[in-house]
Amino acid sequence: MKCSPGNAALLEGVYNGPAKWQKGRMKCPACDSNLHSMTVGKLTVDVCKGGCGGIWFDNFELTKVDEPDEFEGEALLHIERDDHLLVDYERRRNCPKCENIVMMRHYYSERRQVEVDTCPNCAGVWLDPGELAIIRKEGSEGADRQLAARNYFGRLFRQDFLKARPRP
């Protein structure tokens, strides 16, 4: 839905108040720099280019780049950043899209390697620099483990099946 004065009331109901992007550029939740749109393939995300190097994913966008075989994600691993910028990674962060909504910090997966910030209102996700690479690596390791388990159990059950099968 496009933002226009006629449907602003509808958007306010969805996002619990006027969104920051309606007033201008979204601000980085980590370093307060302006976020810039970046399109890779069919996906457009907001990145903190020249700032902390973080990435904002709208709802369900992260799932399009979280696996190593999803080529769009490769370009997002190298966001230009200011290495001299000091960022407090422990501070609570506000959603860059929703007005006055504090994001919830939680682990991305059961492996507990990456903490992400998710907006409880719009379900967008903020990743700090380096976190997407870890998530993608975690996905490849998970796929390797699944394949190994499938092969192991396939051999195991095939042997049990052959033993249990009546012989003519």
N, C-alpha and C. Protein backbone atom coordinates (compact mmCIF):
# COMPACT_ATOMS: atom_id res chain seq x y z
N MET A 1 0.85 -1.17 0.00
CA MET A 1 0.00 0.00 0.00
C MET A 1 0.89 1.23 0.00
N LYS A 2 0.64 2.16 -0.90
CA LYS A 2 1.42 3.38 -0.96
C LYS A 2 0.95 4.35 0.11
N CYS A 3 1.86 5.16 0.60
CA CYS A 3 1.53 6.12 1.63
C CYS A 3 1.02 7.39 0.97
N SER A 4 -0.19 7.77 1.30
CA SER A 4 -0.74 9.03 0.81
C SER A 4 -1.64 9.58 1.90
N PRO A 5 -1.98 10.87 1.82
CA PRO A 5 -2.84 11.43 2.87
C PRO A 5 -4.15 10.67 3.02
N GLY A 6 -4.66 10.10 1.92
CA GLY A 6 -5.93 9.39 1.96
C GLY A 6 -5.88 8.10 2.74
N ASN A 7 -4.74 7.43 2.76
CA ASN A 7 -4.68 6.15 3.47
C ASN A 7 -3.76 6.20 4.67
N ALA A 8 -3.34 7.37 5.10
CA ALA A 8 -2.46 7.50 6.26
C ALA A 8 -3.12 6.93 7.51
N ALA A 9 -4.44 7.11 7.64
CA ALA A 9 -5.13 6.58 8.81
C ALA A 9 -5.06 5.06 8.84
N LEU A 10 -5.16 4.42 7.67
CA LEU A 10 -5.03 2.96 7.61
C LEU A 10 -3.65 2.52 8.04
N LEU A 11 -2.63 3.25 7.57
CA LEU A 11 -1.26 2.89 7.94
C LEU A 11 -1.01 3.11 9.42
N GLU A 12 -1.61 4.15 9.98
CA GLU A 12 -1.43 4.40 11.40
C GLU A 12 -1.97 3.24 12.23
N GLY A 13 -3.08 2.66 11.79
CA GLY A 13 -3.65 1.53 12.51
C GLY A 13 -2.77 0.30 12.42
N VAL A 14 -2.11 0.10 11.30
CA VAL A 14 -1.25 -1.06 11.10
C VAL A 14 0.02 -0.92 11.92
N TYR A 15 0.63 0.26 11.90
CA TYR A 15 1.92 0.45 12.54
C TYR A 15 1.86 1.16 13.87
N ASN A 16 0.68 1.25 14.45
CA ASN A 16 0.54 1.83 15.78
C ASN A 16 1.07 3.27 15.84
N GLY A 17 0.63 4.10 14.93
CA GLY A 17 1.06 5.49 14.90
C GLY A 17 1.78 5.80 13.61
N PRO A 18 2.02 7.06 13.35
CA PRO A 18 2.70 7.40 12.10
C PRO A 18 4.10 6.83 12.06
N ALA A 19 4.44 6.22 10.97
CA ALA A 19 5.76 5.62 10.83
C ALA A 19 6.81 6.68 10.55
N LYS A 20 8.04 6.42 10.96
CA LYS A 20 9.12 7.37 10.73
C LYS A 20 9.38 7.58 9.26
N TRP A 21 9.17 6.54 8.44
CA TRP A 21 9.43 6.69 7.01
C TRP A 21 8.43 7.61 6.36
N GLN A 22 7.28 7.88 7.01
CA GLN A 22 6.33 8.83 6.47
C GLN A 22 6.86 10.26 6.63
N LYS A 23 7.67 10.49 7.63
CA LYS A 23 8.17 11.83 7.92
C LYS A 23 9.48 12.12 7.19
N GLY A 24 10.11 11.13 6.63
CA GLY A 24 11.40 11.31 5.98
C GLY A 24 12.17 10.02 6.02
N ARG A 25 13.46 10.14 5.98
CA ARG A 25 14.32 8.95 5.99
C ARG A 25 14.25 8.23 7.33
N MET A 26 14.38 6.92 7.24
CA MET A 26 14.46 6.13 8.47
C MET A 26 15.86 6.31 9.06
N LYS A 27 15.93 6.28 10.37
CA LYS A 27 17.20 6.41 11.08
C LYS A 27 17.66 5.05 11.56
N CYS A 28 18.97 4.87 11.53
CA CYS A 28 19.58 3.63 12.02
C CYS A 28 19.31 3.50 13.51
N PRO A 29 18.81 2.35 13.96
CA PRO A 29 18.55 2.16 15.38
C PRO A 29 19.83 2.01 16.21
N ALA A 30 20.96 1.75 15.57
CA ALA A 30 22.21 1.55 16.31
C ALA A 30 23.05 2.82 16.41
N CYS A 31 23.12 3.61 15.30
CA CYS A 31 24.02 4.77 15.31
C CYS A 31 23.33 6.08 14.90
N ASP A 32 22.05 6.04 14.62
CA ASP A 32 21.24 7.22 14.26
C ASP A 32 21.59 7.84 12.92
N SER A 33 22.36 7.18 12.07
CA SER A 33 22.63 7.66 10.71
C SER A 33 21.38 7.42 9.86
N ASN A 34 21.31 8.07 8.72
CA ASN A 34 20.21 7.81 7.79
C ASN A 34 20.38 6.44 7.15
N LEU A 35 19.28 5.70 7.02
CA LEU A 35 19.31 4.43 6.31
C LEU A 35 19.09 4.68 4.82
N HIS A 36 19.71 3.86 3.98
CA HIS A 36 19.62 3.99 2.53
C HIS A 36 19.03 2.71 1.96
N SER A 37 18.14 2.86 0.98
CA SER A 37 17.57 1.69 0.32
C SER A 37 18.63 1.02 -0.54
N MET A 38 18.63 -0.30 -0.53
CA MET A 38 19.56 -1.08 -1.34
C MET A 38 18.78 -2.24 -1.94
N THR A 39 18.83 -2.36 -3.26
CA THR A 39 18.12 -3.43 -3.94
C THR A 39 19.12 -4.46 -4.43
N VAL A 40 18.86 -5.71 -4.06
CA VAL A 40 19.66 -6.84 -4.53
C VAL A 40 18.68 -7.86 -5.07
N GLY A 41 18.78 -8.15 -6.36
CA GLY A 41 17.80 -9.02 -6.99
C GLY A 41 16.43 -8.39 -6.91
N LYS A 42 15.46 -9.12 -6.36
CA LYS A 42 14.10 -8.60 -6.21
C LYS A 42 13.84 -8.06 -4.81
N LEU A 43 14.87 -8.02 -3.99
CA LEU A 43 14.73 -7.63 -2.59
C LEU A 43 15.28 -6.23 -2.37
N THR A 44 14.52 -5.38 -1.68
CA THR A 44 14.99 -4.04 -1.29
C THR A 44 15.00 -3.97 0.23
N VAL A 45 16.16 -3.67 0.79
CA VAL A 45 16.32 -3.53 2.24
C VAL A 45 16.87 -2.13 2.52
N ASP A 46 16.92 -1.77 3.79
CA ASP A 46 17.49 -0.49 4.20
C ASP A 46 18.78 -0.76 4.94
N VAL A 47 19.86 -0.10 4.51
CA VAL A 47 21.17 -0.35 5.10
C VAL A 47 21.75 0.94 5.66
N CYS A 48 22.59 0.79 6.65
CA CYS A 48 23.29 1.92 7.25
C CYS A 48 24.64 2.06 6.56
N LYS A 49 24.57 2.51 5.31
CA LYS A 49 25.76 2.66 4.47
C LYS A 49 26.58 3.86 4.94
N GLY A 50 27.85 3.63 5.21
CA GLY A 50 28.73 4.69 5.69
C GLY A 50 28.62 4.95 7.18
N GLY A 51 27.69 4.26 7.84
CA GLY A 51 27.52 4.37 9.29
C GLY A 51 28.03 3.10 9.94
N CYS A 52 27.16 2.45 10.70
CA CYS A 52 27.56 1.23 11.41
C CYS A 52 27.56 -0.01 10.51
N GLY A 53 26.87 0.06 9.36
CA GLY A 53 26.84 -1.09 8.44
C GLY A 53 25.75 -2.09 8.71
N GLY A 54 24.78 -1.74 9.56
CA GLY A 54 23.68 -2.64 9.87
C GLY A 54 22.65 -2.70 8.75
N ILE A 55 21.71 -3.64 8.86
CA ILE A 55 20.71 -3.87 7.82
C ILE A 55 19.33 -4.00 8.46
N TRP A 56 18.33 -3.31 7.88
CA TRP A 56 16.94 -3.43 8.30
C TRP A 56 16.18 -4.26 7.28
N PHE A 57 15.53 -5.32 7.78
CA PHE A 57 14.70 -6.18 6.95
C PHE A 57 13.25 -6.01 7.38
N ASP A 58 12.38 -5.69 6.43
CA ASP A 58 10.95 -5.68 6.74
C ASP A 58 10.52 -7.12 6.98
N ASN A 59 9.29 -7.29 7.48
CA ASN A 59 8.76 -8.60 7.81
C ASN A 59 8.95 -9.59 6.66
N PHE A 60 9.51 -10.74 6.95
CA PHE A 60 9.75 -11.86 6.05
C PHE A 60 10.89 -11.65 5.04
N GLU A 61 11.53 -10.48 5.00
CA GLU A 61 12.61 -10.26 4.04
C GLU A 61 13.87 -11.04 4.40
N LEU A 62 14.16 -11.18 5.68
CA LEU A 62 15.37 -11.89 6.10
C LEU A 62 15.35 -13.33 5.63
N THR A 63 14.19 -13.95 5.57
CA THR A 63 14.11 -15.35 5.14
C THR A 63 14.50 -15.52 3.68
N LYS A 64 14.57 -14.44 2.93
CA LYS A 64 14.95 -14.51 1.51
C LYS A 64 16.46 -14.51 1.31
N VAL A 65 17.23 -14.22 2.38
CA VAL A 65 18.69 -14.15 2.24
C VAL A 65 19.44 -14.88 3.35
N ASP A 66 18.75 -15.63 4.19
CA ASP A 66 19.41 -16.24 5.35
C ASP A 66 20.09 -17.58 5.06
N GLU A 67 19.92 -18.10 3.86
CA GLU A 67 20.58 -19.35 3.47
C GLU A 67 21.73 -19.05 2.51
N PRO A 68 22.82 -19.80 2.58
CA PRO A 68 23.99 -19.51 1.74
C PRO A 68 23.73 -19.66 0.24
N ASP A 69 22.72 -20.44 -0.16
CA ASP A 69 22.45 -20.61 -1.59
C ASP A 69 21.57 -19.51 -2.16
N GLU A 70 21.14 -18.56 -1.34
CA GLU A 70 20.33 -17.44 -1.81
C GLU A 70 21.27 -16.30 -2.19
N PHE A 71 21.47 -16.12 -3.50
CA PHE A 71 22.53 -15.25 -3.99
C PHE A 71 22.34 -13.79 -3.60
N GLU A 72 21.11 -13.32 -3.39
CA GLU A 72 20.90 -11.92 -3.01
C GLU A 72 21.63 -11.57 -1.71
N GLY A 73 21.71 -12.53 -0.81
CA GLY A 73 22.32 -12.28 0.48
C GLY A 73 23.81 -12.00 0.41
N GLU A 74 24.46 -12.49 -0.63
CA GLU A 74 25.91 -12.30 -0.76
C GLU A 74 26.28 -10.82 -0.82
N ALA A 75 25.52 -10.02 -1.57
CA ALA A 75 25.80 -8.59 -1.70
C ALA A 75 25.61 -7.85 -0.37
N LEU A 76 24.78 -8.38 0.49
CA LEU A 76 24.51 -7.73 1.77
C LEU A 76 25.59 -8.01 2.82
N LEU A 77 26.55 -8.84 2.49
CA LEU A 77 27.62 -9.15 3.44
C LEU A 77 28.70 -8.08 3.46
N HIS A 78 28.64 -7.15 2.51
CA HIS A 78 29.72 -6.16 2.37
C HIS A 78 29.18 -4.74 2.32
N ILE A 79 28.46 -4.32 3.34
CA ILE A 79 27.92 -2.97 3.42
C ILE A 79 29.04 -2.03 3.86
N GLU A 80 29.20 -0.93 3.13
CA GLU A 80 30.22 0.07 3.48
C GLU A 80 29.92 0.62 4.87
N ARG A 81 30.95 0.69 5.71
CA ARG A 81 30.75 1.18 7.07
C ARG A 81 31.92 2.02 7.54
N ASP A 82 31.69 2.79 8.58
CA ASP A 82 32.71 3.63 9.19
C ASP A 82 33.29 2.85 10.38
N ASP A 83 34.50 2.35 10.21
CA ASP A 83 35.12 1.52 11.26
C ASP A 83 35.48 2.32 12.51
N HIS A 84 35.47 3.65 12.41
CA HIS A 84 35.82 4.49 13.56
C HIS A 84 34.59 4.89 14.37
N LEU A 85 33.41 4.55 13.88
CA LEU A 85 32.16 4.88 14.56
C LEU A 85 31.99 3.98 15.78
N LEU A 86 31.72 4.59 16.92
CA LEU A 86 31.49 3.81 18.14
C LEU A 86 30.00 3.55 18.31
N VAL A 87 29.64 2.29 18.47
CA VAL A 87 28.24 1.89 18.61
C VAL A 87 28.08 1.12 19.91
N ASP A 88 27.06 1.48 20.67
CA ASP A 88 26.74 0.76 21.91
C ASP A 88 25.81 -0.41 21.54
N TYR A 89 26.36 -1.61 21.44
CA TYR A 89 25.58 -2.77 21.02
C TYR A 89 24.66 -3.29 22.13
N GLU A 90 24.79 -2.78 23.32
CA GLU A 90 23.95 -3.23 24.43
C GLU A 90 22.70 -2.36 24.61
N ARG A 91 22.67 -1.18 24.00
CA ARG A 91 21.55 -0.26 24.22
C ARG A 91 20.28 -0.81 23.56
N ARG A 92 19.15 -0.53 24.19
CA ARG A 92 17.86 -0.90 23.63
C ARG A 92 17.62 -0.04 22.40
N ARG A 93 17.04 -0.61 21.37
CA ARG A 93 16.89 0.10 20.11
C ARG A 93 15.44 0.27 19.74
N ASN A 94 15.16 1.43 19.16
CA ASN A 94 13.82 1.70 18.66
C ASN A 94 13.73 1.23 17.22
N CYS A 95 12.54 0.79 16.84
CA CYS A 95 12.30 0.37 15.47
C CYS A 95 12.48 1.57 14.54
N PRO A 96 13.21 1.40 13.45
CA PRO A 96 13.39 2.52 12.52
C PRO A 96 12.13 2.83 11.71
N LYS A 97 11.18 1.92 11.73
CA LYS A 97 9.96 2.09 10.93
C LYS A 97 8.78 2.56 11.77
N CYS A 98 8.66 2.08 12.97
CA CYS A 98 7.53 2.41 13.84
C CYS A 98 7.92 3.47 14.86
N GLU A 99 7.04 4.36 15.13
CA GLU A 99 7.29 5.45 16.08
C GLU A 99 7.24 4.93 17.52
N ASN A 100 8.29 5.18 18.29
CA ASN A 100 8.35 4.88 19.72
C ASN A 100 8.10 3.42 20.08
N ILE A 101 8.56 2.51 19.26
CA ILE A 101 8.44 1.08 19.57
C ILE A 101 9.84 0.54 19.82
N VAL A 102 10.07 -0.01 21.00
CA VAL A 102 11.36 -0.59 21.34
C VAL A 102 11.39 -2.02 20.81
N MET A 103 12.46 -2.35 20.10
CA MET A 103 12.58 -3.69 19.54
C MET A 103 12.96 -4.69 20.63
N MET A 104 12.59 -5.94 20.40
CA MET A 104 12.89 -7.03 21.32
C MET A 104 14.15 -7.74 20.83
N ARG A 105 15.08 -7.99 21.73
CA ARG A 105 16.32 -8.68 21.39
C ARG A 105 16.16 -10.16 21.74
N HIS A 106 16.50 -11.02 20.78
CA HIS A 106 16.40 -12.46 21.01
C HIS A 106 17.38 -13.17 20.09
N TYR A 107 17.61 -14.44 20.38
CA TYR A 107 18.50 -15.24 19.55
C TYR A 107 17.78 -15.64 18.27
N TYR A 108 18.51 -15.64 17.18
CA TYR A 108 17.93 -15.96 15.88
C TYR A 108 17.56 -17.44 15.77
N SER A 109 18.36 -18.32 16.39
CA SER A 109 18.10 -19.76 16.29
C SER A 109 18.45 -20.44 17.61
N GLU A 110 18.22 -21.72 17.63
CA GLU A 110 18.51 -22.51 18.83
C GLU A 110 20.00 -22.56 19.15
N ARG A 111 20.83 -22.31 18.15
CA ARG A 111 22.28 -22.37 18.37
C ARG A 111 22.79 -21.19 19.18
N ARG A 112 21.99 -20.14 19.29
CA ARG A 112 22.28 -18.99 20.15
C ARG A 112 23.60 -18.30 19.79
N GLN A 113 23.88 -18.18 18.50
CA GLN A 113 25.10 -17.51 18.05
C GLN A 113 24.87 -16.04 17.73
N VAL A 114 23.64 -15.69 17.33
CA VAL A 114 23.36 -14.33 16.89
C VAL A 114 22.12 -13.80 17.60
N GLU A 115 22.27 -12.62 18.22
CA GLU A 115 21.12 -11.93 18.79
C GLU A 115 20.65 -10.89 17.78
N VAL A 116 19.36 -10.90 17.47
CA VAL A 116 18.78 -9.95 16.54
C VAL A 116 17.77 -9.09 17.28
N ASP A 117 17.45 -7.94 16.70
CA ASP A 117 16.45 -7.05 17.25
C ASP A 117 15.23 -7.11 16.34
N THR A 118 14.06 -7.44 16.91
CA THR A 118 12.83 -7.57 16.13
C THR A 118 11.78 -6.62 16.69
N CYS A 119 11.08 -5.93 15.80
CA CYS A 119 10.01 -5.04 16.22
C CYS A 119 8.76 -5.86 16.53
N PRO A 120 8.19 -5.70 17.73
CA PRO A 120 6.98 -6.46 18.06
C PRO A 120 5.75 -5.93 17.32
N ASN A 121 5.88 -4.77 16.69
CA ASN A 121 4.75 -4.16 16.01
C ASN A 121 4.69 -4.52 14.52
N CYS A 122 5.80 -4.31 13.79
CA CYS A 122 5.79 -4.56 12.34
C CYS A 122 6.55 -5.83 11.96
N ALA A 123 7.22 -6.48 12.92
CA ALA A 123 7.97 -7.72 12.73
C ALA A 123 9.21 -7.55 11.86
N GLY A 124 9.68 -6.32 11.69
CA GLY A 124 10.94 -6.09 11.00
C GLY A 124 12.10 -6.55 11.87
N VAL A 125 13.25 -6.79 11.22
CA VAL A 125 14.42 -7.31 11.94
C VAL A 125 15.63 -6.44 11.63
N TRP A 126 16.39 -6.07 12.68
CA TRP A 126 17.63 -5.33 12.54
C TRP A 126 18.80 -6.26 12.79
N LEU A 127 19.77 -6.27 11.85
CA LEU A 127 21.00 -7.04 12.03
C LEU A 127 22.18 -6.09 12.09
N ASP A 128 23.03 -6.30 13.06
CA ASP A 128 24.28 -5.55 13.16
C ASP A 128 25.27 -6.13 12.15
N PRO A 129 26.35 -5.38 11.86
CA PRO A 129 27.35 -5.89 10.90
C PRO A 129 27.88 -7.26 11.31
N GLY A 130 28.00 -8.14 10.33
CA GLY A 130 28.54 -9.48 10.57
C GLY A 130 27.51 -10.52 10.95
N GLU A 131 26.35 -10.09 11.41
CA GLU A 131 25.35 -11.06 11.86
C GLU A 131 24.74 -11.85 10.71
N LEU A 132 24.54 -11.22 9.56
CA LEU A 132 23.98 -11.95 8.42
C LEU A 132 24.93 -13.07 7.98
N ALA A 133 26.23 -12.79 7.99
CA ALA A 133 27.22 -13.81 7.61
C ALA A 133 27.14 -15.02 8.55
N ILE A 134 26.99 -14.77 9.84
CA ILE A 134 26.90 -15.85 10.81
C ILE A 134 25.61 -16.65 10.61
N ILE A 135 24.51 -15.95 10.35
CA ILE A 135 23.22 -16.61 10.13
C ILE A 135 23.31 -17.49 8.88
N ARG A 136 23.92 -16.97 7.82
CA ARG A 136 24.05 -17.75 6.58
C ARG A 136 24.95 -18.97 6.80
N LYS A 137 26.02 -18.80 7.55
CA LYS A 137 26.92 -19.92 7.84
C LYS A 137 26.20 -20.97 8.69
N GLU A 138 25.43 -20.49 9.64
CA GLU A 138 24.65 -21.38 10.49
C GLU A 138 23.69 -22.21 9.64
N GLY A 139 23.10 -21.57 8.63
CA GLY A 139 22.18 -22.27 7.73
C GLY A 139 22.87 -23.36 6.94
N SER A 140 24.10 -23.09 6.48
CA SER A 140 24.82 -24.11 5.71
C SER A 140 25.23 -25.27 6.60
N GLU A 141 25.63 -24.97 7.84
CA GLU A 141 25.98 -26.03 8.77
C GLU A 141 24.76 -26.87 9.12
N GLY A 142 23.61 -26.20 9.26
CA GLY A 142 22.36 -26.91 9.54
C GLY A 142 21.98 -27.82 8.39
N ALA A 143 22.16 -27.33 7.16
CA ALA A 143 21.85 -28.16 5.98
C ALA A 143 22.78 -29.36 5.92
N ASP A 144 24.07 -29.16 6.25
CA ASP A 144 25.02 -30.26 6.27
C ASP A 144 24.62 -31.31 7.31
N ARG A 145 24.21 -30.84 8.49
CA ARG A 145 23.79 -31.76 9.56
C ARG A 145 22.53 -32.53 9.14
N GLN A 146 21.60 -31.84 8.50
CA GLN A 146 20.37 -32.51 8.05
C GLN A 146 20.69 -33.59 7.02
N LEU A 147 21.58 -33.27 6.08
CA LEU A 147 21.95 -34.25 5.06
C LEU A 147 22.64 -35.45 5.69
N ALA A 148 23.56 -35.21 6.63
CA ALA A 148 24.25 -36.31 7.30
C ALA A 148 23.26 -37.18 8.08
N ALA A 149 22.32 -36.55 8.78
CA ALA A 149 21.33 -37.31 9.54
C ALA A 149 20.43 -38.11 8.61
N ARG A 150 20.03 -37.50 7.50
CA ARG A 150 19.17 -38.20 6.53
C ARG A 150 19.90 -39.42 5.97
N ASN A 151 21.17 -39.25 5.63
CA ASN A 151 21.94 -40.37 5.09
C ASN A 151 22.10 -41.48 6.13
N TYR A 152 22.43 -41.09 7.37
CA TYR A 152 22.63 -42.06 8.43
C TYR A 152 21.35 -42.86 8.69
N PHE A 153 20.24 -42.13 8.89
CA PHE A 153 18.98 -42.82 9.19
C PHE A 153 18.48 -43.61 7.98
N GLY A 154 18.77 -43.12 6.78
CA GLY A 154 18.41 -43.87 5.58
C GLY A 154 19.10 -45.21 5.54
N ARG A 155 20.42 -45.21 5.84
CA ARG A 155 21.17 -46.48 5.87
C ARG A 155 20.68 -47.37 7.00
N LEU A 156 20.45 -46.77 8.18
CA LEU A 156 20.02 -47.52 9.35
C LEU A 156 18.68 -48.22 9.10
N PHE A 157 17.71 -47.47 8.62
CA PHE A 157 16.39 -48.05 8.41
C PHE A 157 16.37 -49.00 7.22
N ARG A 158 17.19 -48.76 6.24
CA ARG A 158 17.27 -49.68 5.10
C ARG A 158 17.78 -51.03 5.59
N GLN A 159 18.80 -51.02 6.50
CA GLN A 159 19.33 -52.27 7.04
C GLN A 159 18.28 -52.99 7.87
N ASP A 160 17.55 -52.24 8.72
CA ASP A 160 16.49 -52.84 9.53
C ASP A 160 15.39 -53.40 8.65
N PHE A 161 15.08 -52.69 7.58
CA PHE A 161 14.04 -53.15 6.66
C PHE A 161 14.47 -54.45 5.98
N LEU A 162 15.74 -54.50 5.56
CA LEU A 162 16.22 -55.71 4.88
C LEU A 162 16.25 -56.91 5.84
N LYS A 163 16.60 -56.66 7.12
CA LYS A 163 16.62 -57.75 8.10
C LYS A 163 15.22 -58.25 8.40
N ALA A 164 14.26 -57.34 8.46
CA ALA A 164 12.90 -57.71 8.84
C ALA A 164 12.10 -58.28 7.69
N ARG A 165 12.54 -58.06 6.49
CA ARG A 165 11.79 -58.52 5.31
C ARG A 165 11.85 -60.05 5.22
N PRO A 166 10.71 -60.71 5.04
CA PRO A 166 10.71 -62.17 4.94
C PRO A 166 11.41 -62.61 3.65
N ARG A 167 12.15 -63.66 3.75
CA ARG A 167 12.88 -64.19 2.59
C ARG A 167 12.05 -65.27 1.92
N PRO A 168 12.08 -65.34 0.62
CA PRO A 168 11.30 -66.37 -0.09
C PRO A 168 11.90 -67.75 0.03
